[in-house]
Amino acid sequence: MLYPKLSDEEIIQRGKDLYQNNIRSQVETVENAGKLVSISVETGEYEIGDDLLITSRRLQAKQLDAAIWAERIGYDAVYAIGGSLIKTIE
């Protein structure tokens, strides 16, 4: 199995930066609210869908060792355990 060339901290920082600065304005729509976006932090490519595994695999089909960051569009987290997600868009 191949592993990303970046540390966990680099993946987190790049993923957050890419989403906030390049991707968010394109994908945060009412139609996409609640969907997942997987981002290749090395290329900036992204996939949107309802299933994190599927969106991540689409990116890994292009680059096997892709370092991937995920966001839930319009919410403060991808998943909530024992709590609730907070909506960030209307």
C-alpha atoms as a PDB file:
ATOM      1  CA  MET A   1       0.000   0.000   0.000  1.00  0.00           C
ATOM      2  CA  LEU A   2       1.245   3.474  -0.842  1.00  0.00           C
ATOM      3  CA  TYR A   3       1.166   6.263   1.714  1.00  0.00           C
ATOM      4  CA  PRO A   4       0.871  10.020   1.227  1.00  0.00           C
ATOM      5  CA  LYS A   5       4.110  11.972   1.140  1.00  0.00           C
ATOM      6  CA  LEU A   6       2.735  14.570   3.551  1.00  0.00           C
ATOM      7  CA  SER A   7       2.389  14.522   7.336  1.00  0.00           C
ATOM      8  CA  ASP A   8      -1.056  14.491   8.925  1.00  0.00           C
ATOM      9  CA  GLU A   9      -0.592  18.129   9.938  1.00  0.00           C
ATOM     10  CA  GLU A  10       0.276  19.140   6.349  1.00  0.00           C
ATOM     11  CA  ILE A  11      -2.755  17.298   4.988  1.00  0.00           C
ATOM     12  CA  ILE A  12      -5.043  19.026   7.496  1.00  0.00           C
ATOM     13  CA  GLN A  13      -3.634  22.494   6.828  1.00  0.00           C
ATOM     14  CA  ARG A  14      -3.621  22.135   3.040  1.00  0.00           C
ATOM     15  CA  GLY A  15      -7.120  20.649   3.024  1.00  0.00           C
ATOM     16  CA  LYS A  16      -8.565  23.451   5.135  1.00  0.00           C
ATOM     17  CA  ASP A  17      -6.760  26.119   3.092  1.00  0.00           C
ATOM     18  CA  LEU A  18      -7.859  24.668  -0.260  1.00  0.00           C
ATOM     19  CA  TYR A  19     -11.460  24.395   0.886  1.00  0.00           C
ATOM     20  CA  GLN A  20     -11.639  27.905   2.338  1.00  0.00           C
ATOM     21  CA  ASN A  21      -9.697  29.723  -0.384  1.00  0.00           C
ATOM     22  CA  ASN A  22     -10.482  27.836  -3.602  1.00  0.00           C
ATOM     23  CA  ILE A  23     -13.334  25.376  -3.330  1.00  0.00           C
ATOM     24  CA  ARG A  24     -15.885  26.641  -0.802  1.00  0.00           C
ATOM     25  CA  SER A  25     -17.274  29.446  -2.961  1.00  0.00           C
ATOM     26  CA  GLN A  26     -17.828  26.999  -5.835  1.00  0.00           C
ATOM     27  CA  VAL A  27     -19.540  24.195  -3.913  1.00  0.00           C
ATOM     28  CA  GLU A  28     -21.493  25.764  -1.037  1.00  0.00           C
ATOM     29  CA  THR A  29     -24.937  25.835  -2.599  1.00  0.00           C
ATOM     30  CA  VAL A  30     -28.325  24.793  -1.262  1.00  0.00           C
ATOM     31  CA  GLU A  31     -28.221  21.755  -3.576  1.00  0.00           C
ATOM     32  CA  ASN A  32     -24.873  20.591  -2.169  1.00  0.00           C
ATOM     33  CA  ALA A  33     -25.599  21.269   1.518  1.00  0.00           C
ATOM     34  CA  GLY A  34     -24.883  18.122   3.520  1.00  0.00           C
ATOM     35  CA  LYS A  35     -22.920  16.399   0.761  1.00  0.00           C
ATOM     36  CA  LEU A  36     -19.289  15.456   1.202  1.00  0.00           C
ATOM     37  CA  VAL A  37     -16.374  16.917  -0.701  1.00  0.00           C
ATOM     38  CA  SER A  38     -13.091  14.991  -0.865  1.00  0.00           C
ATOM     39  CA  ILE A  39     -10.056  17.063  -1.833  1.00  0.00           C
ATOM     40  CA  SER A  40      -6.670  15.907  -3.099  1.00  0.00           C
ATOM     41  CA  VAL A  41      -4.434  18.274  -1.144  1.00  0.00           C
ATOM     42  CA  GLU A  42      -1.585  17.902  -3.629  1.00  0.00           C
ATOM     43  CA  THR A  43      -3.513  18.672  -6.811  1.00  0.00           C
ATOM     44  CA  GLY A  44      -6.540  20.625  -5.560  1.00  0.00           C
ATOM     45  CA  GLU A  45      -8.887  18.292  -7.450  1.00  0.00           C
ATOM     46  CA  TYR A  46     -12.109  17.443  -5.625  1.00  0.00           C
ATOM     47  CA  GLU A  47     -15.128  15.169  -5.843  1.00  0.00           C
ATOM     48  CA  ILE A  48     -18.592  15.757  -4.364  1.00  0.00           C
ATOM     49  CA  GLY A  49     -21.015  13.042  -3.339  1.00  0.00           C
ATOM     50  CA  ASP A  50     -23.053  11.424  -0.590  1.00  0.00           C
ATOM     51  CA  ASP A  51     -20.492   8.724   0.235  1.00  0.00           C
ATOM     52  CA  LEU A  52     -17.003   9.569   1.507  1.00  0.00           C
ATOM     53  CA  LEU A  53     -15.538   6.256   0.376  1.00  0.00           C
ATOM     54  CA  ILE A  54     -16.755   6.732  -3.196  1.00  0.00           C
ATOM     55  CA  THR A  55     -15.536  10.327  -3.508  1.00  0.00           C
ATOM     56  CA  SER A  56     -12.137   9.392  -2.071  1.00  0.00           C
ATOM     57  CA  ARG A  57     -11.779   6.406  -4.393  1.00  0.00           C
ATOM     58  CA  ARG A  58     -12.521   8.591  -7.418  1.00  0.00           C
ATOM     59  CA  LEU A  59      -9.560  10.778  -6.474  1.00  0.00           C
ATOM     60  CA  GLN A  60      -7.343   7.775  -5.732  1.00  0.00           C
ATOM     61  CA  ALA A  61      -8.155   6.355  -9.166  1.00  0.00           C
ATOM     62  CA  LYS A  62      -6.320   9.380 -10.580  1.00  0.00           C
ATOM     63  CA  GLN A  63      -3.438   9.272  -8.059  1.00  0.00           C
ATOM     64  CA  LEU A  64      -3.069   6.092  -6.015  1.00  0.00           C
ATOM     65  CA  ASP A  65      -1.232   7.729  -3.104  1.00  0.00           C
ATOM     66  CA  ALA A  66      -3.377  10.876  -3.025  1.00  0.00           C
ATOM     67  CA  ALA A  67      -3.485  12.667   0.310  1.00  0.00           C
ATOM     68  CA  ILE A  68      -7.182  13.412   0.823  1.00  0.00           C
ATOM     69  CA  TRP A  69      -9.006  15.866   3.075  1.00  0.00           C
ATOM     70  CA  ALA A  70     -12.802  15.779   3.445  1.00  0.00           C
ATOM     71  CA  GLU A  71     -15.433  18.333   4.441  1.00  0.00           C
ATOM     72  CA  ARG A  72     -19.215  18.186   4.787  1.00  0.00           C
ATOM     73  CA  ILE A  73     -20.527  21.055   2.702  1.00  0.00           C
ATOM     74  CA  GLY A  74     -22.341  23.628   4.798  1.00  0.00           C
ATOM     75  CA  TYR A  75     -21.592  22.012   8.166  1.00  0.00           C
ATOM     76  CA  ASP A  76     -18.928  22.338  10.832  1.00  0.00           C
ATOM     77  CA  ALA A  77     -17.815  18.682  10.706  1.00  0.00           C
ATOM     78  CA  VAL A  78     -17.921  15.607   8.486  1.00  0.00           C
ATOM     79  CA  TYR A  79     -19.524  13.376  11.140  1.00  0.00           C
ATOM     80  CA  ALA A  80     -20.872  13.847  14.672  1.00  0.00           C
ATOM     81  CA  ILE A  81     -20.563  11.193  17.356  1.00  0.00           C
ATOM     82  CA  GLY A  82     -22.764  11.758  20.376  1.00  0.00           C
ATOM     83  CA  GLY A  83     -23.612  15.283  19.263  1.00  0.00           C
ATOM     84  CA  SER A  84     -24.992  17.116  16.317  1.00  0.00           C
ATOM     85  CA  LEU A  85     -23.642  18.835  13.243  1.00  0.00           C
ATOM     86  CA  ILE A  86     -23.992  22.593  13.120  1.00  0.00           C
ATOM     87  CA  LYS A  87     -25.162  24.031   9.812  1.00  0.00           C
ATOM     88  CA  THR A  88     -22.956  26.869   8.548  1.00  0.00           C
ATOM     89  CA  ILE A  89     -24.990  27.868   5.468  1.00  0.00           C
ATOM     90  CA  GLU A  90     -28.664  28.583   4.896  1.00  0.00           C
END
